[in-house]
Every structure is written in C-alpha cells, then in structure tokens.
N, C-alpha and C. Protein backbone atom coordinates (compact mmCIF):
# COMPACT_ATOMS: atom_id res chain seq x y z
N UNK A 1 -57.61 17.46 -73.54
CA UNK A 1 -56.77 16.43 -74.68
C UNK A 1 -57.20 16.55 -76.20
N UNK A 2 -58.12 16.90 -76.20
CA UNK A 2 -58.69 16.81 -77.52
C UNK A 2 -58.14 17.98 -78.67
N UNK A 3 -57.94 18.59 -77.93
CA UNK A 3 -58.05 20.46 -78.64
C UNK A 3 -56.61 19.75 -79.06
N UNK A 4 -55.54 19.66 -78.18
CA UNK A 4 -54.51 19.40 -78.05
C UNK A 4 -53.70 17.84 -78.59
N UNK A 5 -54.12 17.51 -79.58
CA UNK A 5 -53.75 15.86 -79.86
C UNK A 5 -51.87 15.69 -79.83
N UNK A 6 -50.90 16.80 -80.21
CA UNK A 6 -50.33 16.00 -79.86
C UNK A 6 -49.51 16.17 -78.68
N UNK A 7 -49.93 16.61 -77.98
CA UNK A 7 -49.34 16.35 -76.47
C UNK A 7 -49.83 15.80 -75.78
N UNK A 8 -51.19 15.32 -75.90
CA UNK A 8 -52.19 14.23 -75.50
C UNK A 8 -51.35 12.97 -76.00
N UNK A 9 -50.78 13.44 -77.57
CA UNK A 9 -50.08 11.75 -77.62
C UNK A 9 -48.59 11.28 -77.13
N UNK A 10 -47.92 12.42 -76.73
CA UNK A 10 -46.70 12.55 -76.02
C UNK A 10 -47.14 11.79 -74.46
N UNK A 11 -48.08 12.45 -74.21
CA UNK A 11 -48.58 11.90 -73.15
C UNK A 11 -48.82 10.48 -72.67
N UNK A 12 -50.21 10.09 -73.63
CA UNK A 12 -49.63 8.54 -73.86
C UNK A 12 -48.59 7.38 -73.45
N UNK A 13 -47.46 8.34 -74.47
CA UNK A 13 -46.47 7.73 -75.14
C UNK A 13 -45.71 6.89 -73.82
N UNK A 14 -45.48 8.31 -72.75
CA UNK A 14 -45.30 8.27 -71.71
C UNK A 14 -46.29 7.49 -70.86
N UNK A 15 -46.99 7.82 -70.55
CA UNK A 15 -47.87 6.68 -69.53
C UNK A 15 -47.82 5.05 -70.35
N UNK A 16 -47.50 4.62 -71.24
CA UNK A 16 -46.86 3.49 -71.50
C UNK A 16 -46.27 2.31 -70.33
N UNK A 17 -44.99 3.27 -69.78
CA UNK A 17 -44.42 2.66 -68.65
C UNK A 17 -45.15 2.87 -67.33
N UNK A 18 -45.89 3.11 -66.98
CA UNK A 18 -46.55 4.02 -66.02
C UNK A 18 -46.44 2.47 -65.12
N UNK A 19 -46.23 2.65 -64.09
CA UNK A 19 -46.32 0.89 -63.00
C UNK A 19 -47.83 0.29 -62.60
N UNK A 20 -48.64 1.45 -62.53
CA UNK A 20 -49.69 0.75 -62.46
C UNK A 20 -50.42 0.13 -64.22
N UNK A 21 -50.74 -1.37 -64.05
CA UNK A 21 -50.74 -1.84 -65.34
C UNK A 21 -52.29 -1.34 -65.78
N UNK A 22 -53.12 -1.16 -65.29
CA UNK A 22 -54.87 -0.93 -65.87
C UNK A 22 -54.14 0.59 -66.66
N UNK A 23 -53.39 1.33 -66.27
CA UNK A 23 -52.93 3.09 -66.33
C UNK A 23 -52.12 2.68 -67.87
N UNK A 24 -51.49 1.39 -67.88
CA UNK A 24 -50.29 1.22 -69.00
C UNK A 24 -51.33 0.81 -70.04
N UNK A 25 -52.42 0.17 -70.04
CA UNK A 25 -52.73 -0.86 -70.75
C UNK A 25 -53.62 0.32 -71.53
N UNK A 26 -54.05 1.34 -70.73
CA UNK A 26 -55.32 2.55 -71.27
C UNK A 26 -54.47 3.34 -71.99
N UNK A 27 -53.37 4.08 -71.81
CA UNK A 27 -52.49 4.08 -72.44
C UNK A 27 -52.03 3.56 -74.09
N UNK A 28 -51.80 2.29 -73.71
CA UNK A 28 -51.60 1.93 -75.06
C UNK A 28 -52.89 1.83 -75.95
N UNK A 29 -53.83 1.76 -75.79
CA UNK A 29 -55.26 1.16 -76.25
C UNK A 29 -55.62 3.15 -76.95
N UNK A 30 -54.89 4.06 -76.34
CA UNK A 30 -55.03 5.60 -76.82
C UNK A 30 -54.32 5.76 -78.14
N UNK A 31 -52.70 5.34 -77.64
CA UNK A 31 -51.21 5.16 -78.74
C UNK A 31 -52.40 3.99 -80.06
N UNK A 32 -52.85 3.40 -79.36
CA UNK A 32 -53.49 2.23 -80.93
C UNK A 32 -54.75 3.30 -81.82
N UNK A 33 -55.58 3.88 -80.99
CA UNK A 33 -56.34 4.81 -81.51
C UNK A 33 -55.76 5.90 -82.42
N UNK A 34 -54.75 6.45 -81.98
CA UNK A 34 -53.70 7.37 -82.78
C UNK A 34 -53.40 7.26 -83.88
N UNK A 35 -53.23 6.28 -84.21
CA UNK A 35 -52.34 5.19 -85.15
C UNK A 35 -53.53 4.85 -85.75
N UNK A 36 -54.93 4.33 -85.26
CA UNK A 36 -55.93 4.32 -86.34
C UNK A 36 -56.43 5.31 -86.92
N UNK A 37 -56.15 5.86 -86.45
CA UNK A 37 -56.95 7.61 -86.79
C UNK A 37 -55.49 8.13 -87.83
N UNK A 38 -54.42 8.15 -88.08
CA UNK A 38 -53.30 8.17 -88.82
C UNK A 38 -53.14 7.16 -89.71
N UNK A 39 -53.91 6.14 -89.57
CA UNK A 39 -53.79 4.86 -91.06
C UNK A 39 -55.34 5.53 -91.65
N UNK A 40 -56.08 5.67 -90.77
CA UNK A 40 -57.57 5.93 -91.70
C UNK A 40 -57.59 7.88 -92.33
N UNK A 41 -56.72 8.09 -92.39
CA UNK A 41 -56.49 9.71 -92.09
C UNK A 41 -57.58 10.43 -91.91
N UNK A 42 -57.88 10.21 -90.78
CA UNK A 42 -58.70 11.12 -90.03
C UNK A 42 -58.10 12.83 -89.62
N UNK A 43 -58.97 13.67 -89.99
CA UNK A 43 -58.62 15.14 -89.79
C UNK A 43 -59.29 15.78 -88.70
N UNK A 44 -60.08 15.51 -88.51
CA UNK A 44 -61.00 16.33 -87.50
C UNK A 44 -60.99 15.63 -86.46
N UNK A 45 -61.68 16.22 -85.65
CA UNK A 45 -62.26 15.75 -84.08
C UNK A 45 -63.20 16.11 -83.52
N UNK A 46 -64.01 15.77 -82.50
CA UNK A 46 -64.10 16.38 -81.42
C UNK A 46 -64.44 17.37 -80.99
N UNK A 47 -65.58 18.17 -80.35
CA UNK A 47 -65.41 19.66 -79.68
C UNK A 47 -64.48 18.87 -78.12
N UNK A 48 -64.14 20.37 -77.55
CA UNK A 48 -63.60 19.79 -76.45
C UNK A 48 -64.88 19.73 -75.31
N UNK A 49 -64.30 18.72 -74.85
CA UNK A 49 -65.32 18.67 -73.38
C UNK A 49 -64.48 18.57 -72.04
N UNK A 50 -64.78 19.83 -71.05
CA UNK A 50 -64.15 19.48 -70.21
C UNK A 50 -65.10 18.38 -68.77
N UNK A 51 -63.35 17.97 -68.63
CA UNK A 51 -64.13 17.00 -67.74
C UNK A 51 -63.32 16.84 -66.40
N UNK A 52 -63.22 18.36 -66.09
CA UNK A 52 -62.67 18.25 -64.57
C UNK A 52 -61.22 17.40 -64.37
N UNK A 53 -60.14 17.38 -65.32
CA UNK A 53 -58.73 16.72 -65.20
C UNK A 53 -58.06 17.41 -65.99
N UNK A 54 -58.19 18.33 -66.12
CA UNK A 54 -57.23 19.11 -67.00
C UNK A 54 -56.44 19.87 -66.92
N UNK A 55 -56.53 19.76 -65.11
CA UNK A 55 -54.68 20.06 -64.66
C UNK A 55 -54.13 19.11 -64.04
N UNK A 56 -54.62 17.19 -64.64
CA UNK A 56 -54.24 16.59 -63.89
C UNK A 56 -53.32 16.29 -65.00
N UNK A 57 -53.82 16.32 -66.39
CA UNK A 57 -53.06 16.29 -67.70
C UNK A 57 -52.01 17.04 -67.23
N UNK A 58 -52.13 18.24 -67.31
CA UNK A 58 -51.15 19.47 -67.38
C UNK A 58 -50.31 19.22 -66.75
N UNK A 59 -50.34 18.77 -65.37
CA UNK A 59 -49.37 18.48 -64.19
C UNK A 59 -48.23 17.75 -64.33
N UNK A 60 -49.05 16.07 -65.28
CA UNK A 60 -48.34 15.11 -65.87
C UNK A 60 -47.13 15.77 -66.87
N UNK A 61 -47.47 16.56 -67.90
CA UNK A 61 -47.04 16.59 -69.19
C UNK A 61 -45.75 17.39 -68.53
N UNK A 62 -45.76 18.21 -67.40
CA UNK A 62 -44.65 19.26 -67.00
C UNK A 62 -43.90 18.62 -65.82
N UNK A 63 -44.26 17.70 -65.92
CA UNK A 63 -43.38 16.74 -64.78
C UNK A 63 -43.67 17.33 -63.52
N UNK A 64 -44.82 17.60 -62.79
CA UNK A 64 -44.45 18.05 -61.85
C UNK A 64 -45.49 16.70 -60.85
N UNK A 65 -44.89 16.54 -59.82
CA UNK A 65 -44.96 16.01 -58.38
C UNK A 65 -46.72 15.32 -58.28
N UNK A 66 -47.12 16.43 -58.00
CA UNK A 66 -48.64 16.85 -57.32
C UNK A 66 -49.59 16.82 -58.66
N UNK A 67 -50.20 15.80 -58.47
CA UNK A 67 -51.38 15.51 -59.66
C UNK A 67 -52.45 15.35 -59.35
N UNK A 68 -52.93 15.76 -57.97
CA UNK A 68 -53.74 15.65 -57.02
C UNK A 68 -55.02 16.73 -57.61
N UNK A 69 -56.32 16.42 -57.58
CA UNK A 69 -57.22 17.60 -58.31
C UNK A 69 -57.29 18.96 -56.94
N UNK A 70 -57.46 20.16 -57.06
CA UNK A 70 -57.77 20.73 -56.59
C UNK A 70 -59.13 21.11 -55.45
N UNK A 71 -59.37 21.23 -54.23
CA UNK A 71 -60.54 21.41 -53.29
C UNK A 71 -61.46 21.53 -54.28
N UNK A 72 -61.44 22.91 -54.85
CA UNK A 72 -62.62 23.59 -55.38
C UNK A 72 -63.05 22.39 -56.73
N UNK A 73 -61.62 22.16 -56.93
CA UNK A 73 -62.42 21.08 -58.25
C UNK A 73 -63.08 19.75 -57.75
N UNK A 74 -62.84 19.36 -56.92
CA UNK A 74 -63.25 18.17 -56.01
C UNK A 74 -64.77 18.44 -55.42
N UNK A 75 -65.03 19.48 -54.96
CA UNK A 75 -66.16 19.88 -54.19
C UNK A 75 -67.01 19.98 -55.35
N UNK A 76 -67.12 20.81 -57.12
CA UNK A 76 -67.76 20.87 -58.20
C UNK A 76 -67.84 19.19 -58.78
N UNK A 77 -66.73 18.21 -58.54
CA UNK A 77 -67.15 16.75 -58.90
C UNK A 77 -68.23 16.35 -58.11
N UNK A 78 -67.96 16.60 -57.07
CA UNK A 78 -68.79 15.43 -55.33
C UNK A 78 -70.60 16.35 -56.27
N UNK A 79 -70.40 17.87 -56.38
CA UNK A 79 -72.10 18.04 -56.68
C UNK A 79 -72.61 17.62 -57.76
N UNK A 80 -71.52 17.42 -59.20
CA UNK A 80 -72.07 16.66 -59.81
C UNK A 80 -72.45 15.00 -60.10
N UNK A 81 -71.52 14.24 -59.56
CA UNK A 81 -71.68 13.01 -59.23
C UNK A 81 -73.40 12.98 -58.20
N UNK A 82 -73.64 13.55 -57.22
CA UNK A 82 -74.82 13.67 -56.70
C UNK A 82 -75.74 14.18 -57.16
N UNK A 83 -75.84 15.04 -58.29
CA UNK A 83 -76.65 15.49 -58.89
C UNK A 83 -76.88 14.46 -59.98
N UNK A 84 -76.52 13.27 -60.73
CA UNK A 84 -76.33 12.20 -61.46
C UNK A 84 -76.47 11.05 -60.92
N UNK A 85 -76.30 11.17 -59.89
CA UNK A 85 -76.87 9.70 -59.14
C UNK A 85 -78.39 9.43 -57.99
N UNK A 86 -79.00 10.98 -57.92
CA UNK A 86 -80.23 11.20 -57.37
C UNK A 86 -81.05 10.97 -58.21
N UNK A 87 -81.62 10.56 -59.60
CA UNK A 87 -82.20 10.03 -60.25
C UNK A 87 -82.52 8.51 -60.29
N UNK A 88 -80.94 7.81 -60.12
CA UNK A 88 -80.88 6.52 -59.99
C UNK A 88 -81.72 6.19 -58.34
N UNK A 89 -81.16 7.04 -57.60
CA UNK A 89 -81.58 6.69 -56.25
C UNK A 89 -82.97 6.43 -55.71
N UNK A 90 -83.47 7.82 -56.62
CA UNK A 90 -85.32 7.76 -56.43
C UNK A 90 -85.92 7.07 -57.56
N UNK A 91 -85.30 6.00 -58.38
CA UNK A 91 -85.62 5.21 -59.24
C UNK A 91 -85.57 3.61 -58.26
N UNK A 92 -84.83 3.64 -57.58
CA UNK A 92 -84.25 2.62 -56.98
C UNK A 92 -85.36 1.99 -55.58
N UNK A 93 -85.34 3.69 -54.78
CA UNK A 93 -86.29 3.06 -53.36
C UNK A 93 -87.46 3.88 -54.09
N UNK A 94 -88.12 4.30 -55.03
CA UNK A 94 -89.49 4.24 -55.00
C UNK A 94 -90.45 3.63 -54.68
N UNK A 95 -89.74 2.03 -55.75
CA UNK A 95 -90.42 0.67 -55.53
C UNK A 95 -91.16 0.40 -54.27
N UNK A 96 -90.26 0.48 -53.53
CA UNK A 96 -90.36 0.61 -51.40
C UNK A 96 -91.17 1.38 -50.97
N UNK A 97 -91.42 2.38 -51.15
CA UNK A 97 -92.59 3.35 -51.08
C UNK A 97 -93.38 2.96 -51.20
N UNK A 98 -93.62 3.39 -52.71
CA UNK A 98 -94.89 2.17 -53.43
C UNK A 98 -95.30 0.93 -52.18
N UNK A 99 -95.00 0.12 -52.06
CA UNK A 99 -95.01 -1.42 -51.26
C UNK A 99 -95.15 -0.81 -49.61
N UNK A 100 -94.71 0.38 -49.32
CA UNK A 100 -94.89 0.56 -48.13
C UNK A 100 -96.52 1.71 -47.77
N UNK A 101 -96.72 2.17 -48.55
CA UNK A 101 -97.89 3.07 -48.84
C UNK A 101 -99.10 1.79 -49.28
N UNK A 102 -98.90 0.96 -49.93
CA UNK A 102 -100.39 0.03 -50.05
C UNK A 102 -100.09 -0.54 -48.98
N UNK A 103 -99.15 -1.25 -48.14
CA UNK A 103 -99.29 -1.79 -47.22
C UNK A 103 -99.92 -0.74 -45.90
N UNK A 104 -99.60 0.02 -45.58
CA UNK A 104 -100.40 1.33 -45.08
C UNK A 104 -101.61 1.22 -45.51
N UNK A 105 -102.11 1.41 -46.57
CA UNK A 105 -103.36 2.06 -46.73
C UNK A 105 -104.21 0.20 -47.14
N UNK A 106 -103.80 -1.35 -46.57
CA UNK A 106 -104.46 -2.09 -46.63
C UNK A 106 -104.70 -1.98 -45.43
N UNK A 107 -103.56 -1.95 -44.16
CA UNK A 107 -103.82 -1.77 -42.83
C UNK A 107 -104.91 -1.03 -41.97
N UNK A 108 -104.87 0.06 -42.71
CA UNK A 108 -106.40 0.98 -42.20
C UNK A 108 -107.32 0.65 -42.63
C-alpha cells in the first residue's frame, strides 16, 4: 500500500469502524500518520516492500468476503518464519549443548 497512499487511506478510514478494537486502533494510528504527513508536507515515501498481505488489502478494498491468504502464500510465509527463527533457536539451545559437552568430558 506504500505505492498507493490514496487507496491505503480509504482502507484505513474504513477500518476505523472495524469491530475488533485493536484493528480500529491501528487504523486510527495510520490515519493520524497520514494527517501528520500532510501537516509536515511530506511528499516522498519509502520504496514498496512486499509483505505478503497485498491480496488481503485488495480483497478488503474491493469488499470481498474472503480475506484469507492463499495456500502457497501461507507456505512461503511459514518458510520465511522458520528461516528467521532458526538462528534464534540455535542461539538459545547452544548453551545447553555446551553444558552437556562439558559434562560428558568430565565424566570420561
């Protein structure tokens, strides 16, 4: 939605009345951001970033009832999440392996 600010603004204005309080709060925050950009006369924006939620936003704007991600998008998202989580898992588990290695060396 970065490359289409007018459409994004319309979507966030509609999301302000969403029944979920967290969604409506975030929408109000984004609208405030648009107002702040206008007040500060900001004309440039960041380059577009593919977050994987483009279809969700387009379905919402077009009033489609199905907002779910497609199966292949879910698979890609899971792969990305696993790829991002793996270094943290290794970092958290490595001290346990070090302690076990030291215990095994002292035991022999």
